[in-house]
């Protein structure tokens, strides 16, 4: 009888673990997750001054292989700062900013499985002092970056650069936007998305006391960026920084979708369209341009909504949730909880 009871308890506990689906990778902060062209999932995070990458060989069921990417002395980490990850056909790139404002680049060769330290991306020393940036990739191993930059006048501007040799060298940095009110929003991470030769950059501006999201577009691979266009029809008068930049994707038909927060409400937005509220909370993001996945944080609860389904679901508790779609059409989420990196496959 005791043996039967023991087995029953084991089965209950096992069922709970399978049902909950949450697993701890390691201690760390600010996870970022991507899928490369072949569908391999990689999850990058910071711990102190070190950057780690966990790789999944089974569509996100497990992440057994954890490697040290590199170390950045006094790395900016926390509040959307920390290592940023982009993956392409043959390479992945990680960017990390130190507290002196230098952008360090690390490259993974998918074939060899080895990480290498590359060049500094910003060509003006200390210009990325705020520590906020985003990176993305096209399907042909070209990588693109955008960040907050204080060069020349000490005020935050939107700066852009790209690399065609997987991080070894970067184009001359280009300030693509400077606010006429002296600075863009100082603590909000800009976002970037690429489709073929088109590049899209989203950032939170600061104009006439309003902290609204704006979108810039280049149709010729950054030779010319068109003037920024405000997203949404509402505005947010705020004497302070919300520290919440939002997320951006663009699909193969150049349909742009973005998510962002205004006054504690999460909005889905497309250029020249009314914004649509999808929930309440902060720190939202969007992935999978063809079948968008929206994530955000509501208090300590983490939310996810597939746009095609239109109904939010609870994922767990924690902060800074990220998500990616797998080759078997499932979703893998990762987030911070009590100083740990957590992941879950839905």
Foldseek 3Di string as FASTA:
>chain_A
DVVVVVVVVVVVVVVVCVVLQKDFDWFFAQWDWDAEPVQKIWIWTDDQQWIKIFTDPPQFSDRPDIDTQDGDHQWDGDLQATWEWEHAHFKIKIWTAHQLQWIWIWMAGNVVRDIDTADTAAPDGSFQNLRAKYKYDDHQLKIKMWGFGCPPHRATFIKIWIDPVNHNYIDHIDGQGADPVGYAQRQAHKEWEDAVQKIKIKFFGADPQWGFIWMWMDNGNPPHIDDIDTWADDTARDPHHPSATWEWYADNVRWIWTWTDHPQWIWITGPPDHTDTLGGATRKYWDDNVFIKIWGQDPQWIWIDTVVVSDIDTNGGADNKDWDAGPVRWIKIWHDDPSTIMIGID
